[in-house]
């Protein structure tokens, strides 16, 4: 240990060795480590120096400041106490107490500490930061705050080189319009991408809205979208999410991920849409001044909502919010694959593809393309009323069907009943196109155009089981209970179910005023990144 400067020096010697007491502008050096303070006591024999008052130690690219420091020249270790700050030109550690190893370039802190790195504040009761590796490890609960949101967990690590957080143990990521819960999360700050594992729940608040919406405005909390699964890829900048479920194991069937969309109307009634499929992807697409929410379910989708139920190889749901508060929002559902089916208003409709549109929560139209077929069980007669054709168009009024157009090659089988509910006959009719008019859910009239042919049967000669082209009928439509299931997702919803209260205001954290210049320097790393609980709930 080399004494470079001191305004006053007092030297004493005893059986314990030589002690030097230094006062005023104290400066010492060991190899490339420079130590400065107002006062110091140097125990020369055991190689220990106690520095007090405006202590500053510079070792390589690291700078340590504190109220007092005990420095061991044998191990090149500093035990710092009181307003400790360690900066490496890129990150800054702030703690009440810390131990700094200048050879390993590692700081260990306790009593609660903060690490500042490029707009992020990481807080934990204890942990370590390696200036050499630029990696922080947190031994207790850890919180990461930056302008995009807040990430909390029971433990974790942070790599400042690529701005990557690996957090585990009840991880929660909160953003202004989203919340993510998982057993573990890998989060990249630069791209705002997250990989979540375990029991994953992603909640999105609102339906996109206008891209011109003020950033300060709260998202529409009357609409919430939940994704449940085992693995999630989330991109906060692109606003996309892709979730997968639990794969089949020994004696355990596969568990597809779950999508739940909840919407509250002006009266407070909450409508829910429940979907299960092996793969579910969600995105927000910008079109002009509006942003639409697009959700795709593939690999065999089952869907239930108040107005209808459906099964399909794949389904695509698009919601376009209203341009202003007076215009209705438009929901659009497309079903594809091997003969998807929709159950609505007591009927089953099947075709090569089906499309349903809903305006402001009310069914608007239903289109069936390719081998269109509709069946409705007459509960009185126990017979299937049937309609078939190349295409169908159904129009609704207040969720009840108003008219149905079929064609070309339209066909119908219709059974007639007596006033006593007995079979009185049946009609088979074909035409280029047929239009059916309904009132109160009952058929009131049929109009045919071009190539009209038909057969009327009496009660005694009605065919037993006629089947029109494209016949498909399954009385067991998906129900809310069958799609939702009885797994951990149900328990989560029962515990943390949304209240539809406006979300708490979100204030991006600011760097503490005492953050040194080192925390602001440095350019963006060129590393390649891989791909809420809001409302105050855990």
Protein backbone atom coordinates (compact mmCIF):
# COMPACT_ATOMS: atom_id res chain seq x y z
CA UNK A 1 0.00 0.00 0.00
CA UNK A 2 1.54 3.29 -1.14
CA UNK A 3 0.70 6.60 0.58
CA UNK A 4 0.60 9.29 -2.12
CA UNK A 5 -0.77 12.22 -0.13
CA UNK A 6 -2.06 13.42 3.26
CA UNK A 7 -2.12 16.83 4.94
CA UNK A 8 -1.21 15.29 8.31
CA UNK A 9 0.38 11.92 9.23
CA UNK A 10 0.82 10.38 12.66
CA UNK A 11 2.80 7.15 13.05
CA UNK A 12 2.62 4.85 16.09
CA UNK A 13 4.15 1.43 16.73
CA UNK A 14 3.36 -1.24 19.31
CA UNK A 15 3.33 -4.99 19.65
CA UNK A 16 0.49 -5.16 17.12
CA UNK A 17 2.55 -3.35 14.52
CA UNK A 18 2.75 0.06 12.86
CA UNK A 19 -0.30 2.28 12.52
CA UNK A 20 -0.47 5.43 10.38
CA UNK A 21 -3.21 7.99 10.95
CA UNK A 22 -3.81 10.21 7.93
CA UNK A 23 -5.83 13.45 7.81
CA UNK A 24 -6.90 15.71 4.92
CA UNK A 25 -6.82 14.91 1.18
CA UNK A 26 -5.78 11.35 1.84
CA UNK A 27 -4.72 9.38 -1.22
CA UNK A 28 -3.35 5.83 -1.31
CA UNK A 29 -2.63 3.37 -4.08
CA UNK A 30 -2.22 -0.38 -4.45
CA UNK A 31 -1.24 -1.48 -7.93
CA UNK A 32 -4.00 0.03 -10.15
CA UNK A 33 -6.42 0.68 -7.26
CA UNK A 34 -6.64 4.33 -6.13
CA UNK A 35 -8.14 5.14 -2.69
CA UNK A 36 -9.15 8.64 -1.50
CA UNK A 37 -10.88 9.99 1.62
CA UNK A 38 -10.88 12.79 4.20
CA UNK A 39 -9.33 10.55 6.85
CA UNK A 40 -7.73 7.13 7.04
CA UNK A 41 -6.12 4.74 9.52
CA UNK A 42 -3.59 2.41 7.92
CA UNK A 43 -2.74 -0.73 9.89
CA UNK A 44 0.44 -1.43 8.00
CA UNK A 45 1.34 -4.77 9.55
CA UNK A 46 -1.97 -6.49 8.73
CA UNK A 47 -2.41 -4.57 5.46
CA UNK A 48 -5.75 -3.00 6.36
CA UNK A 49 -6.85 0.59 5.94
CA UNK A 50 -10.01 2.19 7.31
CA UNK A 51 -11.13 5.19 5.24
CA UNK A 52 -13.69 7.71 6.50
CA UNK A 53 -15.40 10.73 4.92
CA UNK A 54 -16.08 11.11 1.21
CA UNK A 55 -14.44 7.79 0.41
CA UNK A 56 -13.73 7.14 -3.26
CA UNK A 57 -12.04 4.01 -4.63
CA UNK A 58 -11.22 3.64 -8.33
CA UNK A 59 -10.20 0.22 -9.64
CA UNK A 60 -10.10 -0.27 -13.37
CA UNK A 61 -13.46 0.86 -14.75
CA UNK A 62 -15.16 0.59 -11.34
CA UNK A 63 -15.70 3.54 -9.00
CA UNK A 64 -16.88 3.02 -5.40
CA UNK A 65 -18.02 5.82 -3.11
CA UNK A 66 -19.26 5.49 0.48
CA UNK A 67 -19.23 7.12 3.91
CA UNK A 68 -16.71 4.62 5.34
CA UNK A 69 -14.71 1.74 3.86
CA UNK A 70 -12.51 -0.94 5.38
CA UNK A 71 -10.04 -2.06 2.72
CA UNK A 72 -7.99 -5.29 2.98
CA UNK A 73 -4.92 -4.95 0.78
CA UNK A 74 -4.21 -8.69 1.03
CA UNK A 75 -7.50 -9.74 -0.58
CA UNK A 76 -8.12 -6.40 -2.34
CA UNK A 77 -11.60 -6.38 -0.81
CA UNK A 78 -13.48 -3.30 0.41
CA UNK A 79 -16.26 -3.42 3.00
CA UNK A 80 -18.27 -0.23 2.36
CA UNK A 81 -20.94 1.28 4.57
CA UNK A 82 -23.23 4.31 4.23
CA UNK A 83 -24.65 5.54 0.92
CA UNK A 84 -22.62 3.03 -1.08
CA UNK A 85 -22.43 3.55 -4.83
CA UNK A 86 -20.50 1.38 -7.28
CA UNK A 87 -20.46 2.37 -10.96
CA UNK A 88 -18.72 0.76 -13.94
CA UNK A 89 -19.52 3.36 -16.59
CA UNK A 90 -22.62 1.43 -17.65
CA UNK A 91 -24.47 0.36 -14.50
CA UNK A 92 -24.66 1.74 -10.97
CA UNK A 93 -25.24 -0.13 -7.70
CA UNK A 94 -26.75 1.83 -4.78
CA UNK A 95 -26.93 0.18 -1.34
CA UNK A 96 -26.51 0.96 2.37
CA UNK A 97 -23.82 -1.73 2.70
CA UNK A 98 -21.71 -3.58 0.14
CA UNK A 99 -18.56 -5.65 -0.19
CA UNK A 100 -16.44 -4.99 -3.27
CA UNK A 101 -13.83 -7.44 -4.56
CA UNK A 102 -11.55 -5.47 -6.89
CA UNK A 103 -9.82 -8.56 -8.25
CA UNK A 104 -13.05 -10.30 -9.30
CA UNK A 105 -14.81 -6.97 -9.95
CA UNK A 106 -17.83 -8.19 -7.98
CA UNK A 107 -19.99 -6.21 -5.53
CA UNK A 108 -22.20 -7.97 -2.97
CA UNK A 109 -24.88 -5.83 -1.31
CA UNK A 110 -27.31 -6.31 1.57
CA UNK A 111 -29.90 -4.30 3.46
CA UNK A 112 -31.73 -3.44 0.24
CA UNK A 113 -30.09 -2.24 -2.95
CA UNK A 114 -30.79 -0.81 -6.38
CA UNK A 115 -29.04 -1.31 -9.70
CA UNK A 116 -29.55 1.38 -12.34
CA UNK A 117 -29.03 0.46 -15.96
CA UNK A 118 -30.15 2.49 -18.98
CA UNK A 119 -33.51 3.64 -17.65
CA UNK A 120 -34.13 0.51 -15.57
CA UNK A 121 -34.16 0.26 -11.78
CA UNK A 122 -33.67 -3.21 -10.28
CA UNK A 123 -34.45 -3.48 -6.56
CA UNK A 124 -33.78 -6.37 -4.17
CA UNK A 125 -32.92 -6.94 -0.48
CA UNK A 126 -29.60 -8.59 -1.40
CA UNK A 127 -27.57 -9.74 -4.34
CA UNK A 128 -24.36 -9.37 -6.33
CA UNK A 129 -23.24 -7.43 -9.38
CA UNK A 130 -20.28 -8.47 -11.51
CA UNK A 131 -18.73 -5.53 -13.36
CA UNK A 132 -16.53 -7.95 -15.32
CA UNK A 133 -19.50 -9.99 -16.60
CA UNK A 134 -22.02 -7.15 -16.23
CA UNK A 135 -24.44 -9.58 -14.63
CA UNK A 136 -26.51 -9.07 -11.46
CA UNK A 137 -27.83 -11.92 -9.34
CA UNK A 138 -30.63 -11.32 -6.83
CA UNK A 139 -31.06 -13.66 -3.90
CA UNK A 140 -34.41 -12.35 -2.66
CA UNK A 141 -37.52 -10.76 -4.14
CA UNK A 142 -36.54 -8.61 -7.10
CA UNK A 143 -38.34 -5.82 -8.98
CA UNK A 144 -37.39 -4.40 -12.38
CA UNK A 145 -38.95 -1.03 -13.27
CA UNK A 146 -38.57 0.78 -16.58
CA UNK A 147 -40.69 2.95 -18.86
CA UNK A 148 -42.49 -0.07 -20.35
CA UNK A 149 -43.63 -1.68 -17.11
CA UNK A 150 -42.74 -3.51 -13.92
CA UNK A 151 -41.40 -7.06 -13.54
CA UNK A 152 -41.35 -8.75 -10.12
CA UNK A 153 -40.26 -12.23 -8.99
CA UNK A 154 -38.96 -14.21 -6.04
CA UNK A 155 -35.42 -14.30 -7.50
CA UNK A 156 -33.57 -13.71 -10.73
CA UNK A 157 -30.59 -12.51 -12.73
CA UNK A 158 -30.07 -9.55 -15.03
CA UNK A 159 -27.57 -9.46 -17.91
CA UNK A 160 -26.73 -5.83 -18.70
CA UNK A 161 -24.93 -6.82 -21.91
CA UNK A 162 -28.15 -7.76 -23.69
CA UNK A 163 -30.57 -6.22 -21.16
CA UNK A 164 -32.03 -9.62 -20.36
CA UNK A 165 -33.82 -10.57 -17.14
CA UNK A 166 -34.18 -14.24 -16.12
CA UNK A 167 -36.71 -14.21 -13.28
CA UNK A 168 -38.30 -17.17 -11.50
CA UNK A 169 -40.83 -17.83 -8.77
CA UNK A 170 -44.28 -16.22 -9.04
CA UNK A 171 -43.21 -13.84 -11.80
CA UNK A 172 -45.49 -10.92 -12.67
CA UNK A 173 -45.00 -8.48 -15.52
CA UNK A 174 -47.24 -5.40 -15.43
CA UNK A 175 -47.66 -2.96 -18.31
CA UNK A 176 -50.22 -0.16 -18.83
CA UNK A 177 -52.53 -2.41 -20.87
CA UNK A 178 -51.26 -5.92 -20.11
CA UNK A 179 -50.30 -8.23 -17.26
CA UNK A 180 -48.35 -11.49 -17.34
CA UNK A 181 -48.16 -14.13 -14.59
CA UNK A 182 -45.89 -17.18 -14.88
CA UNK A 183 -43.63 -19.55 -12.98
CA UNK A 184 -40.58 -18.16 -14.83
CA UNK A 185 -39.95 -15.43 -17.41
CA UNK A 186 -37.09 -14.46 -19.70
CA UNK A 187 -37.53 -10.77 -20.56
CA UNK A 188 -35.55 -8.67 -23.05
CA UNK A 189 -35.83 -4.97 -22.28
CA UNK A 190 -34.47 -3.75 -25.61
CA UNK A 191 -37.18 -5.51 -27.66
CA UNK A 192 -39.79 -5.81 -24.86
CA UNK A 193 -40.08 -9.52 -25.62
CA UNK A 194 -40.80 -12.13 -22.99
CA UNK A 195 -40.73 -15.90 -22.83
CA UNK A 196 -42.91 -17.27 -20.06
CA UNK A 197 -43.07 -20.83 -18.73
CA UNK A 198 -45.16 -22.80 -16.25
CA UNK A 199 -48.70 -21.78 -15.47
CA UNK A 200 -48.85 -18.75 -17.72
CA UNK A 201 -51.62 -16.13 -17.73
CA UNK A 202 -51.53 -13.13 -20.07
CA UNK A 203 -54.20 -10.45 -19.68
CA UNK A 204 -54.70 -7.71 -22.27
CA UNK A 205 -56.88 -4.73 -21.38
CA UNK A 206 -58.96 -2.94 -24.00
CA UNK A 207 -59.50 -3.72 -27.67
CA UNK A 208 -56.82 -1.65 -29.37
CA UNK A 209 -58.82 1.44 -30.20
CA UNK A 210 -57.59 4.32 -32.30
CA UNK A 211 -53.86 4.68 -32.85
CA UNK A 212 -54.47 8.37 -32.26
CA UNK A 213 -55.56 7.67 -28.65
CA UNK A 214 -53.59 9.73 -26.17
CA UNK A 215 -50.79 7.70 -24.54
CA UNK A 216 -51.90 9.09 -21.18
CA UNK A 217 -55.46 7.76 -21.62
CA UNK A 218 -56.34 4.60 -19.69
CA UNK A 219 -57.16 1.55 -21.86
CA UNK A 220 -60.77 0.42 -22.07
CA UNK A 221 -61.10 -1.74 -18.97
CA UNK A 222 -64.57 -3.02 -19.99
CA UNK A 223 -62.91 -5.51 -22.33
CA UNK A 224 -60.29 -8.00 -21.18
CA UNK A 225 -58.59 -10.85 -23.01
CA UNK A 226 -56.95 -13.71 -21.11
CA UNK A 227 -54.58 -16.36 -22.45
CA UNK A 228 -53.81 -19.43 -20.30
CA UNK A 229 -51.15 -21.99 -21.15
CA UNK A 230 -47.76 -23.51 -20.39
CA UNK A 231 -45.47 -21.59 -22.78
CA UNK A 232 -45.88 -18.03 -24.03
CA UNK A 233 -43.97 -15.75 -26.41
CA UNK A 234 -44.94 -12.12 -25.87
CA UNK A 235 -43.74 -9.11 -27.88
CA UNK A 236 -44.62 -5.85 -26.17
CA UNK A 237 -43.52 -3.63 -29.07
CA UNK A 238 -45.29 -5.55 -31.83
CA UNK A 239 -48.18 -6.35 -29.44
CA UNK A 240 -48.25 -10.04 -30.33
CA UNK A 241 -48.58 -13.15 -28.18
CA UNK A 242 -48.29 -16.85 -29.01
CA UNK A 243 -49.24 -19.46 -26.41
CA UNK A 244 -49.04 -23.24 -26.27
CA UNK A 245 -50.52 -25.72 -23.82
CA UNK A 246 -49.27 -28.69 -21.87
CA UNK A 247 -48.14 -31.62 -24.00
CA UNK A 248 -49.37 -35.13 -23.36
CA UNK A 249 -47.35 -37.20 -20.88
CA UNK A 250 -47.45 -40.68 -19.40
CA UNK A 251 -51.03 -41.21 -18.34
CA UNK A 252 -51.80 -37.53 -18.92
CA UNK A 253 -53.64 -36.11 -21.95
CA UNK A 254 -52.53 -32.93 -23.67
CA UNK A 255 -54.06 -29.75 -22.28
CA UNK A 256 -54.57 -27.09 -24.97
CA UNK A 257 -54.23 -23.42 -24.04
CA UNK A 258 -57.32 -21.40 -23.19
CA UNK A 259 -58.54 -18.05 -24.51
CA UNK A 260 -61.13 -16.08 -22.54
CA UNK A 261 -62.54 -12.76 -23.76
CA UNK A 262 -64.74 -10.79 -21.36
CA UNK A 263 -66.79 -7.76 -22.38
CA UNK A 264 -68.98 -5.60 -20.16
CA UNK A 265 -71.75 -3.53 -21.76
CA UNK A 266 -73.25 -0.28 -20.50
CA UNK A 267 -75.69 -2.18 -18.26
CA UNK A 268 -72.86 -4.09 -16.57
CA UNK A 269 -73.69 -7.45 -18.16
CA UNK A 270 -70.54 -9.40 -18.95
CA UNK A 271 -70.38 -11.57 -22.06
CA UNK A 272 -67.67 -14.20 -22.30
CA UNK A 273 -66.05 -15.99 -25.24
CA UNK A 274 -64.20 -19.20 -24.36
CA UNK A 275 -61.85 -20.94 -26.82
CA UNK A 276 -59.53 -23.93 -26.60
CA UNK A 277 -57.05 -24.93 -29.29
CA UNK A 278 -53.53 -26.43 -29.37
CA UNK A 279 -52.14 -23.13 -30.70
CA UNK A 280 -53.44 -19.64 -29.99
CA UNK A 281 -51.86 -16.46 -31.38
CA UNK A 282 -52.94 -12.88 -30.71
CA UNK A 283 -51.89 -9.65 -32.41
CA UNK A 284 -52.96 -6.05 -32.91
CA UNK A 285 -52.97 -4.78 -36.47
CA UNK A 286 -53.01 -1.13 -37.49
CA UNK A 287 -55.44 -0.20 -40.29
CA UNK A 288 -55.69 3.51 -40.94
CA UNK A 289 -56.51 5.32 -37.72
CA UNK A 290 -57.68 2.16 -35.92
CA UNK A 291 -56.08 -0.89 -34.39
CA UNK A 292 -57.81 -4.28 -34.64
CA UNK A 293 -57.28 -7.23 -32.33
CA UNK A 294 -56.68 -10.47 -34.24
CA UNK A 295 -56.72 -13.87 -32.49
CA UNK A 296 -56.01 -17.14 -34.31
CA UNK A 297 -56.73 -20.58 -32.85
CA UNK A 298 -55.36 -23.57 -34.78
CA UNK A 299 -54.98 -27.32 -34.52
CA UNK A 300 -58.62 -28.03 -33.64
CA UNK A 301 -60.56 -25.19 -32.00
CA UNK A 302 -63.64 -25.34 -29.77
CA UNK A 303 -65.52 -22.10 -29.04
CA UNK A 304 -68.41 -21.05 -26.85
CA UNK A 305 -70.11 -17.72 -26.29
CA UNK A 306 -73.60 -16.59 -25.40
CA UNK A 307 -74.76 -16.34 -29.00
CA UNK A 308 -73.14 -19.43 -30.49
CA UNK A 309 -70.79 -22.41 -30.15
CA UNK A 310 -68.41 -23.71 -32.79
CA UNK A 311 -65.81 -26.33 -33.71
CA UNK A 312 -63.25 -25.95 -36.49
CA UNK A 313 -59.75 -26.94 -37.50
CA UNK A 314 -58.84 -23.27 -37.12
CA UNK A 315 -60.59 -20.06 -36.14
CA UNK A 316 -59.74 -16.41 -36.67
CA UNK A 317 -61.33 -13.72 -34.52
CA UNK A 318 -61.01 -10.04 -35.45
CA UNK A 319 -62.32 -7.12 -33.40
CA UNK A 320 -62.35 -3.64 -34.88
CA UNK A 321 -63.29 -1.04 -32.25
CA UNK A 322 -65.66 1.80 -33.00
CA UNK A 323 -64.16 4.87 -34.65
CA UNK A 324 -65.97 6.99 -32.06
CA UNK A 325 -68.19 6.43 -29.06
CA UNK A 326 -71.40 6.63 -31.13
CA UNK A 327 -70.44 3.95 -33.69
CA UNK A 328 -70.79 0.21 -32.98
CA UNK A 329 -67.75 -2.05 -32.69
CA UNK A 330 -67.47 -4.95 -35.17
CA UNK A 331 -66.47 -8.50 -34.24
CA UNK A 332 -65.71 -10.96 -37.01
CA UNK A 333 -65.20 -14.73 -36.64
CA UNK A 334 -63.93 -16.99 -39.43
CA UNK A 335 -63.97 -20.80 -39.12
CA UNK A 336 -61.94 -22.98 -41.49
CA UNK A 337 -60.81 -26.55 -42.13
CA UNK A 338 -62.61 -29.85 -42.50
CA UNK A 339 -66.28 -28.95 -42.31
CA UNK A 340 -66.42 -26.51 -39.35
CA UNK A 341 -69.76 -26.18 -37.57
CA UNK A 342 -71.62 -23.44 -35.73
CA UNK A 343 -74.51 -23.92 -33.32
CA UNK A 344 -76.70 -20.81 -33.11
CA UNK A 345 -80.31 -20.08 -32.23
CA UNK A 346 -81.12 -23.80 -31.96
CA UNK A 347 -79.61 -24.72 -35.34
CA UNK A 348 -76.36 -26.30 -36.48
CA UNK A 349 -74.71 -24.85 -39.58
CA UNK A 350 -71.85 -26.58 -41.38
CA UNK A 351 -69.77 -25.77 -44.45
CA UNK A 352 -66.26 -25.58 -45.84
CA UNK A 353 -65.87 -22.21 -44.12
CA UNK A 354 -68.11 -20.05 -41.96
CA UNK A 355 -68.03 -16.35 -41.09
CA UNK A 356 -69.93 -14.63 -38.28
CA UNK A 357 -70.11 -10.86 -37.73
CA UNK A 358 -71.29 -9.21 -34.51
CA UNK A 359 -71.94 -5.49 -34.14
CA UNK A 360 -71.87 -3.93 -30.71
CA UNK A 361 -72.45 -7.27 -29.00
CA UNK A 362 -75.37 -8.35 -31.23
CA UNK A 363 -75.21 -10.96 -34.01
CA UNK A 364 -75.37 -9.29 -37.41
CA UNK A 365 -74.83 -11.95 -40.09
CA UNK A 366 -73.58 -15.49 -40.71
CA UNK A 367 -72.10 -16.69 -44.01
CA UNK A 368 -71.45 -20.30 -44.99
CA UNK A 369 -69.38 -21.13 -48.07
CA UNK A 370 -68.96 -24.51 -49.74
CA UNK A 371 -71.36 -27.44 -49.09
CA UNK A 372 -73.46 -25.31 -46.78
CA UNK A 373 -75.81 -27.30 -44.58
CA UNK A 374 -78.16 -26.33 -41.76
CA UNK A 375 -80.12 -28.61 -39.44
CA UNK A 376 -82.59 -27.88 -36.68
CA UNK A 377 -84.23 -30.51 -34.49
CA UNK A 378 -87.98 -30.15 -34.25
CA UNK A 379 -88.42 -31.04 -30.59
CA UNK A 380 -92.11 -31.78 -31.08
CA UNK A 381 -91.72 -34.23 -33.95
CA UNK A 382 -88.21 -35.43 -33.21
CA UNK A 383 -87.26 -34.78 -36.84
CA UNK A 384 -84.46 -32.75 -38.41
CA UNK A 385 -85.46 -29.79 -40.52
CA UNK A 386 -82.70 -29.48 -43.16
CA UNK A 387 -81.41 -26.88 -45.60
CA UNK A 388 -78.52 -27.37 -48.06
CA UNK A 389 -76.83 -25.44 -50.84
CA UNK A 390 -73.51 -24.15 -52.10
CA UNK A 391 -73.68 -21.04 -49.87
CA UNK A 392 -75.81 -19.54 -47.11
CA UNK A 393 -76.35 -16.05 -45.74
CA UNK A 394 -78.17 -15.60 -42.46
CA UNK A 395 -79.23 -12.18 -41.17
CA UNK A 396 -80.04 -11.61 -37.50
CA UNK A 397 -82.15 -9.21 -35.52
CA UNK A 398 -81.28 -8.97 -31.83
CA UNK A 399 -79.43 -12.32 -31.93
CA UNK A 400 -82.51 -14.06 -33.44
CA UNK A 401 -82.37 -15.13 -37.09
CA UNK A 402 -84.48 -12.94 -39.39
CA UNK A 403 -83.81 -14.48 -42.82
CA UNK A 404 -81.70 -17.15 -44.46
CA UNK A 405 -80.73 -17.18 -48.12
CA UNK A 406 -79.42 -20.39 -49.75
CA UNK A 407 -78.05 -21.02 -53.21
CA UNK A 408 -77.20 -22.14 -55.75
CA UNK A 409 -78.54 -25.71 -55.73
CA UNK A 410 -80.71 -24.94 -52.73
CA UNK A 411 -82.63 -27.80 -51.11
CA UNK A 412 -84.86 -28.10 -48.06
CA UNK A 413 -86.64 -30.82 -46.11
CA UNK A 414 -89.39 -29.44 -43.88
CA UNK A 415 -91.70 -31.43 -41.60
CA UNK A 416 -95.24 -30.28 -40.80
CA UNK A 417 -97.10 -30.90 -37.54
CA UNK A 418 -100.76 -30.89 -36.54
CA UNK A 419 -102.11 -28.65 -33.80
CA UNK A 420 -101.72 -31.64 -31.49
CA UNK A 421 -98.02 -31.95 -32.31
CA UNK A 422 -98.35 -34.99 -34.55
CA UNK A 423 -96.62 -35.46 -37.90
CA UNK A 424 -98.92 -34.30 -40.68
CA UNK A 425 -96.50 -34.50 -43.61
CA UNK A 426 -93.27 -33.23 -45.09
CA UNK A 427 -92.09 -31.11 -48.01
CA UNK A 428 -88.97 -31.46 -50.14
CA UNK A 429 -88.13 -28.41 -52.22
CA UNK A 430 -85.23 -27.50 -54.50
CA UNK A 431 -84.48 -24.34 -56.48
CA UNK A 432 -81.60 -22.24 -57.74
CA UNK A 433 -82.01 -20.11 -54.62
CA UNK A 434 -84.29 -20.21 -51.60
CA UNK A 435 -85.02 -17.50 -49.04
CA UNK A 436 -86.49 -18.32 -45.63
CA UNK A 437 -88.21 -15.72 -43.44
CA UNK A 438 -88.38 -16.15 -39.65
CA UNK A 439 -90.25 -14.51 -36.81
CA UNK A 440 -89.74 -15.30 -33.14
CA UNK A 441 -87.43 -18.12 -34.20
CA UNK A 442 -90.14 -19.84 -36.27
CA UNK A 443 -90.23 -20.25 -40.05
CA UNK A 444 -92.93 -17.98 -41.52
CA UNK A 445 -92.36 -18.20 -45.25
CA UNK A 446 -90.22 -19.62 -48.08
CA UNK A 447 -89.51 -18.01 -51.45
CA UNK A 448 -87.85 -19.88 -54.34
CA UNK A 449 -86.22 -18.59 -57.52
CA UNK A 450 -85.39 -20.56 -60.69
CA UNK A 451 -85.71 -24.29 -61.34
CA UNK A 452 -88.23 -24.84 -58.58
CA UNK A 453 -89.15 -28.47 -57.95
CA UNK A 454 -90.80 -30.09 -54.96
CA UNK A 455 -92.53 -33.07 -53.43
CA UNK A 456 -95.18 -33.08 -50.73
CA UNK A 457 -95.58 -36.17 -48.55
CA UNK A 458 -98.58 -37.18 -46.50
CA UNK A 459 -98.16 -38.34 -42.93
CA UNK A 460 -98.12 -42.02 -43.88
CA UNK A 461 -95.49 -41.78 -46.65
CA UNK A 462 -92.96 -39.40 -45.10
CA UNK A 463 -89.41 -40.74 -45.73
CA UNK A 464 -87.82 -42.16 -42.56
CA UNK A 465 -84.45 -40.43 -42.63
CA UNK A 466 -83.80 -38.26 -45.69
CA UNK A 467 -80.38 -36.61 -45.77
CA UNK A 468 -79.53 -33.66 -47.95
CA UNK A 469 -76.02 -33.20 -49.46
CA UNK A 470 -73.43 -32.16 -46.88
CA UNK A 471 -75.46 -33.62 -44.00
CA UNK A 472 -73.89 -33.00 -40.60
CA UNK A 473 -75.61 -33.03 -37.24
CA UNK A 474 -74.28 -33.35 -33.70
CA UNK A 475 -76.63 -32.55 -30.81
CA UNK A 476 -73.68 -32.15 -28.43
CA UNK A 477 -72.57 -28.59 -29.09
CA UNK A 478 -69.64 -27.24 -27.06
CA UNK A 479 -70.73 -25.73 -23.75
CA UNK A 480 -69.00 -23.16 -21.58
CA UNK A 481 -68.24 -25.82 -18.98
CA UNK A 482 -66.83 -28.32 -21.51
CA UNK A 483 -64.56 -25.74 -23.16
CA UNK A 484 -63.45 -24.09 -19.93
CA UNK A 485 -62.81 -27.43 -18.20
CA UNK A 486 -61.96 -27.88 -14.53
CA UNK A 487 -58.19 -27.28 -14.50
CA UNK A 488 -56.00 -24.71 -12.77
CA UNK A 489 -57.35 -21.94 -15.03
CA UNK A 490 -60.74 -22.15 -13.33
CA UNK A 491 -59.15 -21.84 -9.91
CA UNK A 492 -57.13 -18.84 -11.08
CA UNK A 493 -60.23 -17.09 -12.40
CA UNK A 494 -62.16 -17.79 -9.20
CA UNK A 495 -59.32 -16.24 -7.20
CA UNK A 496 -58.31 -13.34 -9.40
CA UNK A 497 -61.40 -12.82 -11.61
CA UNK A 498 -61.64 -9.29 -13.04
CA UNK A 499 -63.89 -6.70 -11.44
CA UNK A 500 -63.93 -4.47 -14.53
CA UNK A 501 -62.83 -1.51 -12.44
CA UNK A 502 -60.65 1.03 -14.26
CA UNK A 503 -56.98 0.02 -13.95
CA UNK A 504 -54.71 1.83 -11.54
CA UNK A 505 -52.87 4.76 -13.09
CA UNK A 506 -49.46 3.81 -14.45
CA UNK A 507 -46.49 6.07 -13.76
CA UNK A 508 -43.21 5.01 -15.44
CA UNK A 509 -40.41 4.94 -12.86
CA UNK A 510 -37.73 7.58 -12.98
CA UNK A 511 -34.05 7.14 -12.27
CA UNK A 512 -33.17 8.49 -8.82
CA UNK A 513 -31.89 12.04 -8.83
CA UNK A 514 -28.52 10.90 -7.53
CA UNK A 515 -27.88 8.56 -10.46
CA UNK A 516 -24.33 9.32 -11.65
CA UNK A 517 -23.37 10.06 -15.25
CA UNK A 518 -22.10 6.51 -15.65
CA UNK A 519 -25.70 5.27 -15.74
CA UNK A 520 -26.47 7.35 -18.83
CA UNK A 521 -23.41 6.64 -20.94
CA UNK A 522 -22.89 3.95 -23.57
CA UNK A 523 -24.60 3.06 -26.84
CA UNK A 524 -27.14 0.36 -27.63
CA UNK A 525 -25.94 -3.21 -27.53
CA UNK A 526 -26.14 -5.03 -30.84
CA UNK A 527 -27.02 -8.35 -29.27
CA UNK A 528 -29.80 -10.42 -30.83
CA UNK A 529 -32.81 -10.87 -28.55
CA UNK A 530 -35.01 -13.96 -28.72
CA UNK A 531 -38.48 -14.08 -28.86
CA UNK A 532 -50.75 -8.09 -15.25
CA UNK A 533 -51.81 -8.56 -13.08
CA UNK A 534 -53.26 -5.06 -13.52
CA UNK A 535 -55.94 -3.52 -11.36
CA UNK A 536 -53.79 -4.15 -8.30
CA UNK A 537 -54.48 -7.88 -8.15
CA UNK A 538 -51.62 -10.29 -7.35
